[in-house]
Every structure is written in structure tokens, then in C-alpha cells.
Amino acid sequence: MSTKNKNSIYHRKWNNFKKNRRGFYSLIIFTVLFFISLFAELVANDKPWIVYTNNKIYFPILHTYSEKDFGGELELAIDYRHEYATDLIKSQGGWIIWAPIKYSYDTINYNSVSPAPPSRENLLGTDDQGRDVLARVIYGFRISIFFGVLLTALSSIVGISVGALQGYYGGRIDLLGQRFIEIWSGMPSLFLLIILSSFVETSFWWLLGIMLLFKWMSLVDIVRAEFLRCRNFEYVRAAKSIGVSDIKIMFRHILPNALVSTLTLLPFLLTSSITTLTSLDFLGFGLPSGSPSLGELIAQGKNNLQSPWLGITAFMTMSIMLTLLVFIGEACRDAFDPRKYYSEKR
């Protein structure tokens, strides 16, 4: 296929994607939100961006300074939010440039009763430990997306490879693979995760590895069916007759056909991964204690019914995030739908 034809196909797919206005605008909104969360340390931090004092410029967001660096007496790390630090810097003719939110995900506001309702200082209030809810939402959003994207990418690689092997070779390999998947998929993955979490210290990578053991099966059936259909096509037989290796035939000639149906499922697989992580965090078997987690925020909303802003914030965050991803998935499905492509071509 020529480069011109390829570009024409990609252009048509992009146009089909944009025709789904709901999905297109959802992609823009999601991209903006994710871009903001990528720079969470610049948006929400209890350390200033820049401090100028005594004719010197400091960057607390990048380096740790002690009180002595600003003319104090102690070698301890300075608490910039304390009045003593502010007076110390301003007494030398200095100034401070803060992040828009003066709290990190683990910063405790000791000046209010916890949980505190939304205010000018804490726009979404604080949780039952005095931590700023908006800061934790920003950091938690980033972790959820990173976790979901990594889990989706790794499970797609494993699932596509297994499905390709089963569908291309068929026979005993396909039979044994299907029996293994039937047994493995019947195992209660959520219960196994809870059991393992009860005696193993959980972490981001540990959860990712454990969940990968069960998520890869989502794409196997689709890829396997496509390879079973295509393996006896004329172009595959012709490639075999001229000595093309099985690996090249599988991943260069047959796989592009299977990717059409696979790519449409990836946004939905991403939402499933995020929901699973949130469920584990809600039950207390997810990320380590203290991590910025949307599931923990939901649990706090359940445990503090007298503080409705916690539950409302968690519900709105999850609803908006998952809704945007579902709309993007629908637009991807339209973009890769061959019926739309050929109808437009005619």
C-alpha cells in the first residue's frame, strides 16, 4: 500500500472520529485534565515555586532548604507555610511565588477542624485527616490514569500475542490455550487480590503485576478469531510459499486486520482497569496508606456522611473521568468501523 493511500485512510479515520462530536470534545477535555495532572507538583504543592530573599533566588520546588539558608537558626527543613518562615523571608525584603494550590496531597491543614467544608483556602474542603481534597484529587487522577494506561498497554501486548499464537497455529496449541484460559478466567481475581494484599505490602508495581495476570484475557478471543479467519487467506498462503517467517506473517500481515477490533476496546479496557484500582483502594487493599487515591476518597465519603463534600467530590471525579473515556471509546469505534469507511468512500 502506498504512503498516499495510507495517509488517506488515516485521514478518513480521523474525520470519522471528529464527526462524533461528543467523543471529540471529550478527548479535548480529557487531554486538558490529564495535562494539568501531569504537572501536579506545579499546581498543588506546599513548597513555593520561587523564593527571593537576601538578593538570592531559591527554587524550593526543586531543592530542599533549611531555615539557616534564609537567615534562621536551625538546620531543619523550613516549613514555608508557617508564619515564621514567611516573616523571615519578608524581613529581608524577599517575596514568594506559590503554586495555585498551597497544599500537596499529604499536607495537613492544622488551622481547621477536620474534615473541613469547602472554603477559600481549601476549595473542596479537607478530608478527615486535614488534607486538601482538591490536591488529592489532582494527584489521584494522575495515578489512576497512569495505572490504567500501563495495565491496558501491558495486558494488550500479552493478550494480542497469546491470541495471535492460538489463532495462527490452531490445533493443539489453540486447544490447550483455550482450556487454560477457561480455567484461569474462572478464578475469583478480586478475592485473590484481597487475599494476597493481606500478607504482602502493596505498592503501585505490585498491584500492576498482580492485575496483569488476569486482565490480559480480555483481548485474546477477538485476536484469536481474527487470526483463525485470516490464516488461510490467499495472501497468507502466498507469503508462506515464498518463505516468509511465521512471525512476520503474524505481526506484519494478519495483525493489522485484528487491530481494528482491538483498538476499539482499549478505552473500555482502560476504564475497567481504573475501576478495579478504585475498588481495591475503597476496600483498603489497593495502594499504600496515604497515597492519593480516588478509592480512598470514596471510602472517606462513606465513613463521613456528615461531610457530603467528600462523597460528592469522589462521585463527580469518577463520573467525569469514566464518562469522558467511554465517549472517547465510542468515537474510536466509529473511526475504525469499516462500514463507515466504505460508505464514505462510495
Protein backbone atom coordinates (compact mmCIF):
# COMPACT_ATOMS: atom_id res chain seq x y z
CA MET A 1 0.00 0.00 0.00
CA SER A 2 1.40 3.37 -0.99
CA THR A 3 2.09 6.13 1.51
CA LYS A 4 -0.60 8.26 -0.13
CA ASN A 5 -3.26 5.58 0.36
CA LYS A 6 -2.19 5.07 3.98
CA ASN A 7 -2.42 8.78 4.68
CA SER A 8 -5.86 8.84 3.03
CA ILE A 9 -7.08 6.00 5.26
CA TYR A 10 -5.76 7.68 8.41
CA HIS A 11 -7.32 10.96 7.31
CA ARG A 12 -10.71 9.28 6.82
CA LYS A 13 -10.48 7.61 10.23
CA TRP A 14 -9.63 10.90 11.88
CA ASN A 15 -12.56 12.56 10.14
CA ASN A 16 -14.88 9.78 11.34
CA PHE A 17 -13.56 10.32 14.85
CA LYS A 18 -14.21 14.06 14.68
CA LYS A 19 -17.74 13.50 13.36
CA ASN A 20 -18.58 12.02 16.73
CA ARG A 21 -18.69 15.44 18.39
CA ARG A 22 -19.27 14.01 21.83
CA GLY A 23 -16.15 11.85 21.63
CA PHE A 24 -14.05 14.57 20.01
CA TYR A 25 -14.82 17.16 22.69
CA SER A 26 -14.38 14.51 25.37
CA LEU A 27 -10.88 13.87 24.04
CA ILE A 28 -10.06 17.58 24.27
CA ILE A 29 -11.38 17.88 27.82
CA PHE A 30 -9.65 14.68 28.95
CA THR A 31 -6.35 15.78 27.39
CA VAL A 32 -6.50 19.13 29.21
CA LEU A 33 -7.29 17.47 32.56
CA PHE A 34 -4.56 14.88 32.13
CA PHE A 35 -2.05 17.54 31.09
CA ILE A 36 -2.81 19.50 34.26
CA SER A 37 -2.40 16.39 36.40
CA LEU A 38 0.97 15.64 34.78
CA PHE A 39 2.28 18.81 36.39
CA ALA A 40 0.55 18.25 39.72
CA GLU A 41 3.66 19.32 41.63
CA LEU A 42 3.43 22.72 39.94
CA VAL A 43 -0.31 23.06 40.51
CA ALA A 44 -0.63 21.81 44.09
CA ASN A 45 2.38 21.95 46.38
CA ASP A 46 3.18 23.10 49.89
CA LYS A 47 6.53 24.39 48.63
CA PRO A 48 6.74 27.65 46.66
CA TRP A 49 7.88 27.83 43.07
CA ILE A 50 10.37 30.62 43.71
CA VAL A 51 11.65 32.43 46.80
CA TYR A 52 13.64 35.65 46.54
CA THR A 53 15.42 36.91 49.63
CA ASN A 54 18.75 38.47 50.55
CA ASN A 55 19.45 39.15 46.85
CA LYS A 56 19.28 35.44 46.03
CA ILE A 57 16.73 33.31 44.17
CA TYR A 58 15.75 29.90 45.53
CA PHE A 59 13.68 27.13 43.95
CA PRO A 60 12.11 25.18 46.84
CA ILE A 61 10.06 23.07 44.44
CA LEU A 62 13.31 21.54 43.16
CA HIS A 63 15.59 21.66 46.21
CA THR A 64 15.23 21.34 49.97
CA TYR A 65 16.46 24.29 52.02
CA SER A 66 16.90 24.71 55.76
CA GLU A 67 15.95 27.66 57.94
CA LYS A 68 19.62 28.64 58.08
CA ASP A 69 19.66 29.21 54.32
CA PHE A 70 17.14 32.01 54.85
CA GLY A 71 18.81 33.54 57.89
CA GLY A 72 17.26 31.30 60.54
CA GLU A 73 18.97 29.38 63.32
CA LEU A 74 18.13 25.71 62.67
CA GLU A 75 19.41 23.24 60.10
CA LEU A 76 15.96 21.69 59.79
CA ALA A 77 13.97 21.89 56.56
CA ILE A 78 11.94 25.07 56.57
CA ASP A 79 8.14 24.98 56.60
CA TYR A 80 7.21 27.67 54.09
CA ARG A 81 3.56 27.71 55.14
CA HIS A 82 4.42 28.65 58.72
CA GLU A 83 4.22 32.32 59.65
CA TYR A 84 7.78 32.22 60.99
CA ALA A 85 9.15 31.27 57.55
CA THR A 86 7.08 33.92 55.80
CA ASP A 87 8.16 36.66 58.22
CA LEU A 88 11.79 35.53 57.96
CA ILE A 89 11.79 35.84 54.17
CA LYS A 90 9.87 39.11 54.03
CA SER A 91 12.03 40.70 56.75
CA GLN A 92 14.94 40.58 54.31
CA GLY A 93 12.97 42.25 51.53
CA GLY A 94 12.05 38.95 49.89
CA TRP A 95 8.97 37.61 48.17
CA ILE A 96 7.39 34.22 47.45
CA ILE A 97 5.65 32.81 44.37
CA TRP A 98 3.33 29.98 45.37
CA ALA A 99 1.62 27.26 43.39
CA PRO A 100 -2.10 27.92 42.72
CA ILE A 101 -2.93 25.41 45.50
CA LYS A 102 -0.71 25.73 48.57
CA TYR A 103 -1.17 22.10 49.57
CA SER A 104 0.34 18.84 48.39
CA TYR A 105 -1.60 15.58 48.58
CA ASP A 106 -0.21 14.82 52.06
CA THR A 107 -0.14 18.34 53.53
CA ILE A 108 -2.22 18.68 56.69
CA ASN A 109 -4.07 21.89 57.45
CA TYR A 110 -3.74 22.31 61.22
CA ASN A 111 -5.70 25.56 61.21
CA SER A 112 -9.11 23.99 60.78
CA VAL A 113 -11.20 21.18 62.21
CA SER A 114 -11.13 18.01 60.09
CA PRO A 115 -12.96 17.33 57.92
CA ALA A 116 -13.49 20.99 56.99
CA PRO A 117 -16.06 22.17 54.43
CA PRO A 118 -15.04 23.95 51.21
CA SER A 119 -13.57 27.39 51.79
CA ARG A 120 -11.38 29.95 50.07
CA GLU A 121 -8.27 28.21 51.43
CA ASN A 122 -9.45 24.67 50.63
CA LEU A 123 -11.73 24.89 47.60
CA LEU A 124 -13.08 21.36 48.01
CA GLY A 125 -12.59 21.17 51.75
CA THR A 126 -10.36 18.77 53.67
CA ASP A 127 -10.69 15.08 54.50
CA ASP A 128 -10.84 13.52 57.95
CA GLN A 129 -7.06 13.88 58.28
CA GLY A 130 -6.96 17.55 57.34
CA ARG A 131 -5.55 17.03 53.84
CA ASP A 132 -6.70 19.21 50.95
CA VAL A 133 -9.26 17.30 48.86
CA LEU A 134 -8.57 19.17 45.60
CA ALA A 135 -4.85 18.42 45.79
CA ARG A 136 -5.54 14.74 46.45
CA VAL A 137 -7.97 14.62 43.51
CA ILE A 138 -5.34 16.03 41.14
CA TYR A 139 -2.64 13.61 42.27
CA GLY A 140 -5.11 10.70 42.46
CA PHE A 141 -6.36 11.41 38.94
CA ARG A 142 -2.79 11.17 37.63
CA ILE A 143 -2.08 7.90 39.42
CA SER A 144 -5.35 6.37 38.21
CA ILE A 145 -4.68 7.29 34.59
CA PHE A 146 -1.06 6.13 34.70
CA PHE A 147 -2.08 2.84 36.29
CA GLY A 148 -4.88 2.29 33.80
CA VAL A 149 -2.72 3.13 30.76
CA LEU A 150 0.16 0.89 31.87
CA LEU A 151 -2.15 -2.01 32.71
CA THR A 152 -4.02 -1.61 29.42
CA ALA A 153 -0.81 -1.46 27.38
CA LEU A 154 0.82 -4.46 29.05
CA SER A 155 -2.34 -6.58 29.02
CA SER A 156 -2.85 -5.72 25.34
CA ILE A 157 0.66 -6.89 24.47
CA VAL A 158 0.19 -10.19 26.30
CA GLY A 159 -3.38 -10.73 25.13
CA ILE A 160 -2.65 -9.95 21.48
CA SER A 161 0.42 -12.23 21.48
CA VAL A 162 -1.46 -15.15 23.04
CA GLY A 163 -4.45 -14.71 20.75
CA ALA A 164 -2.18 -14.49 17.69
CA LEU A 165 -0.36 -17.71 18.60
CA GLN A 166 -3.60 -19.60 19.23
CA GLY A 167 -5.34 -18.37 16.11
CA TYR A 168 -2.40 -18.75 13.73
CA TYR A 169 -1.24 -22.22 14.71
CA GLY A 170 -4.59 -23.63 15.85
CA GLY A 171 -4.71 -27.33 16.63
CA ARG A 172 -3.24 -28.49 19.92
CA ILE A 173 -1.85 -25.05 20.79
CA ASP A 174 -5.28 -23.48 20.42
CA LEU A 175 -6.98 -26.30 22.31
CA LEU A 176 -4.60 -26.19 25.28
CA GLY A 177 -4.65 -22.39 25.31
CA GLN A 178 -8.45 -22.26 25.42
CA ARG A 179 -8.65 -24.80 28.24
CA PHE A 180 -6.09 -22.82 30.25
CA ILE A 181 -7.97 -19.56 29.68
CA GLU A 182 -11.27 -21.17 30.72
CA ILE A 183 -9.72 -22.31 34.00
CA TRP A 184 -7.77 -19.11 34.64
CA SER A 185 -10.71 -16.82 33.86
CA GLY A 186 -12.89 -18.74 36.30
CA MET A 187 -10.66 -17.83 39.24
CA PRO A 188 -12.02 -15.05 41.50
CA SER A 189 -9.40 -12.41 40.72
CA LEU A 190 -10.73 -9.79 43.14
CA PHE A 191 -10.73 -12.23 46.05
CA LEU A 192 -7.21 -13.39 45.16
CA LEU A 193 -6.04 -9.78 45.15
CA ILE A 194 -7.59 -9.20 48.56
CA ILE A 195 -6.02 -12.39 49.97
CA LEU A 196 -2.57 -11.55 48.61
CA SER A 197 -2.83 -7.95 49.83
CA SER A 198 -3.49 -9.18 53.37
CA PHE A 199 0.03 -10.57 53.80
CA VAL A 200 2.08 -8.70 51.16
CA GLU A 201 2.92 -5.00 51.37
CA THR A 202 1.13 -3.46 48.42
CA SER A 203 2.70 -1.00 46.00
CA PHE A 204 1.94 0.50 42.62
CA TRP A 205 4.06 -2.02 40.70
CA TRP A 206 2.93 -4.98 42.80
CA LEU A 207 -0.73 -4.23 42.07
CA LEU A 208 0.08 -3.71 38.39
CA GLY A 209 1.77 -7.11 38.16
CA ILE A 210 -0.97 -8.97 40.00
CA MET A 211 -3.78 -7.41 37.97
CA LEU A 212 -1.90 -8.09 34.75
CA LEU A 213 -2.21 -11.82 35.49
CA PHE A 214 -5.97 -11.58 34.88
CA LYS A 215 -6.51 -8.57 32.57
CA TRP A 216 -4.68 -9.95 29.51
CA MET A 217 -7.51 -12.37 28.69
CA SER A 218 -9.85 -9.56 27.61
CA LEU A 219 -8.43 -9.32 24.08
CA VAL A 220 -7.49 -12.94 23.42
CA ASP A 221 -10.81 -14.07 21.93
CA ILE A 222 -11.03 -11.17 19.47
CA VAL A 223 -7.47 -11.54 18.19
CA ARG A 224 -7.73 -15.34 18.09
CA ALA A 225 -10.92 -15.21 15.98
CA GLU A 226 -9.35 -12.78 13.52
CA PHE A 227 -6.24 -14.93 13.12
CA LEU A 228 -8.35 -18.08 12.65
CA ARG A 229 -10.23 -16.27 9.89
CA CYS A 230 -7.20 -14.84 8.12
CA ARG A 231 -4.65 -17.65 8.36
CA ASN A 232 -6.00 -19.43 5.26
CA PHE A 233 -6.35 -16.32 3.10
CA GLU A 234 -4.57 -16.21 -0.22
CA TYR A 235 -2.01 -13.57 0.77
CA VAL A 236 -1.02 -15.61 3.83
CA ARG A 237 -0.53 -18.76 1.73
CA ALA A 238 1.45 -16.78 -0.81
CA ALA A 239 3.71 -15.40 1.92
CA LYS A 240 4.29 -18.91 3.25
CA SER A 241 5.11 -20.24 -0.20
CA ILE A 242 7.90 -17.70 -0.71
CA GLY A 243 9.46 -18.48 2.68
CA VAL A 244 8.26 -15.59 4.84
CA SER A 245 8.65 -16.49 8.52
CA ASP A 246 5.61 -17.11 10.72
CA ILE A 247 6.46 -14.15 12.96
CA LYS A 248 6.44 -11.74 10.01
CA ILE A 249 3.21 -13.15 8.66
CA MET A 250 1.53 -12.92 12.06
CA PHE A 251 2.59 -9.43 13.05
CA ARG A 252 3.06 -7.73 9.68
CA HIS A 253 0.22 -9.13 7.58
CA ILE A 254 -2.52 -10.53 9.84
CA LEU A 255 -2.21 -8.38 12.96
CA PRO A 256 -3.24 -5.08 11.26
CA ASN A 257 -6.61 -6.69 10.48
CA ALA A 258 -7.05 -7.72 14.11
CA LEU A 259 -6.07 -4.30 15.45
CA VAL A 260 -9.23 -2.68 14.08
CA SER A 261 -11.48 -4.50 16.55
CA THR A 262 -8.82 -4.46 19.27
CA LEU A 263 -8.27 -0.71 19.29
CA THR A 264 -11.97 -0.01 19.75
CA LEU A 265 -11.92 -1.95 23.03
CA LEU A 266 -8.86 -0.28 24.55
CA PRO A 267 -10.68 2.76 26.06
CA PHE A 268 -13.19 0.41 27.70
CA LEU A 269 -10.36 -1.77 28.98
CA LEU A 270 -8.80 1.41 30.39
CA THR A 271 -11.98 2.31 32.28
CA SER A 272 -12.17 -1.24 33.65
CA SER A 273 -8.57 -1.01 34.92
CA ILE A 274 -9.23 2.32 36.66
CA THR A 275 -12.43 0.99 38.23
CA THR A 276 -10.64 -2.10 39.57
CA LEU A 277 -7.91 0.01 41.18
CA THR A 278 -10.52 2.32 42.70
CA SER A 279 -12.45 -0.66 44.09
CA LEU A 280 -9.33 -2.09 45.73
CA ASP A 281 -8.48 1.30 47.25
CA PHE A 282 -12.03 1.63 48.52
CA LEU A 283 -11.76 -1.76 50.24
CA GLY A 284 -8.34 -0.87 51.68
CA PHE A 285 -6.38 -3.41 49.62
CA GLY A 286 -5.00 -1.08 46.95
CA LEU A 287 -2.23 1.50 47.04
CA PRO A 288 -0.22 2.03 50.23
CA SER A 289 -1.86 4.03 53.00
CA GLY A 290 -1.52 7.77 52.48
CA SER A 291 -1.28 7.57 48.69
CA PRO A 292 -3.53 10.00 46.81
CA SER A 293 -6.32 7.65 45.84
CA LEU A 294 -9.80 8.21 44.47
CA GLY A 295 -10.93 4.95 46.07
CA GLU A 296 -9.80 6.15 49.49
CA LEU A 297 -11.73 9.39 48.95
CA ILE A 298 -14.86 7.36 48.22
CA ALA A 299 -14.29 5.40 51.43
CA GLN A 300 -13.91 8.65 53.37
CA GLY A 301 -17.19 9.87 51.91
CA LYS A 302 -18.87 6.68 53.15
CA ASN A 303 -17.33 6.96 56.60
CA ASN A 304 -18.08 10.68 56.97
CA LEU A 305 -21.68 11.10 55.88
CA GLN A 306 -21.83 14.36 57.85
CA SER A 307 -19.28 15.77 55.34
CA PRO A 308 -21.10 15.42 51.99
CA TRP A 309 -18.41 17.26 50.03
CA LEU A 310 -16.16 14.18 50.27
CA GLY A 311 -18.62 11.80 48.67
CA ILE A 312 -19.80 14.34 46.11
CA THR A 313 -16.24 15.14 45.02
CA ALA A 314 -15.32 11.46 44.68
CA PHE A 315 -18.51 10.70 42.74
CA MET A 316 -18.12 13.64 40.36
CA THR A 317 -14.43 12.91 39.72
CA MET A 318 -15.02 9.26 38.89
CA SER A 319 -18.15 10.02 36.86
CA ILE A 320 -16.48 12.70 34.73
CA MET A 321 -13.32 10.66 34.16
CA LEU A 322 -15.10 7.43 33.18
CA THR A 323 -17.72 9.23 31.09
CA LEU A 324 -15.06 11.01 29.06
CA LEU A 325 -13.21 7.73 28.46
CA VAL A 326 -16.40 5.94 27.38
CA PHE A 327 -17.25 8.73 24.93
CA ILE A 328 -13.71 8.59 23.54
CA GLY A 329 -14.09 4.82 23.14
CA GLU A 330 -17.32 5.29 21.18
CA ALA A 331 -15.59 7.75 18.87
CA CYS A 332 -12.71 5.29 18.35
CA ARG A 333 -15.23 2.61 17.47
CA ASP A 334 -16.75 4.89 14.83
CA ALA A 335 -13.33 5.80 13.49
CA PHE A 336 -12.30 2.18 12.93
CA ASP A 337 -15.70 0.96 11.73
CA PRO A 338 -15.09 -0.33 8.17
CA ARG A 339 -18.74 0.23 7.25
CA LYS A 340 -18.36 3.98 7.81
CA TYR A 341 -15.12 3.99 5.84
CA TYR A 342 -16.53 2.27 2.76
CA SER A 343 -19.83 4.15 2.81
CA GLU A 344 -17.89 7.43 2.86
CA LYS A 345 -15.60 6.20 0.08
CA ARG A 346 -18.55 5.45 -2.18
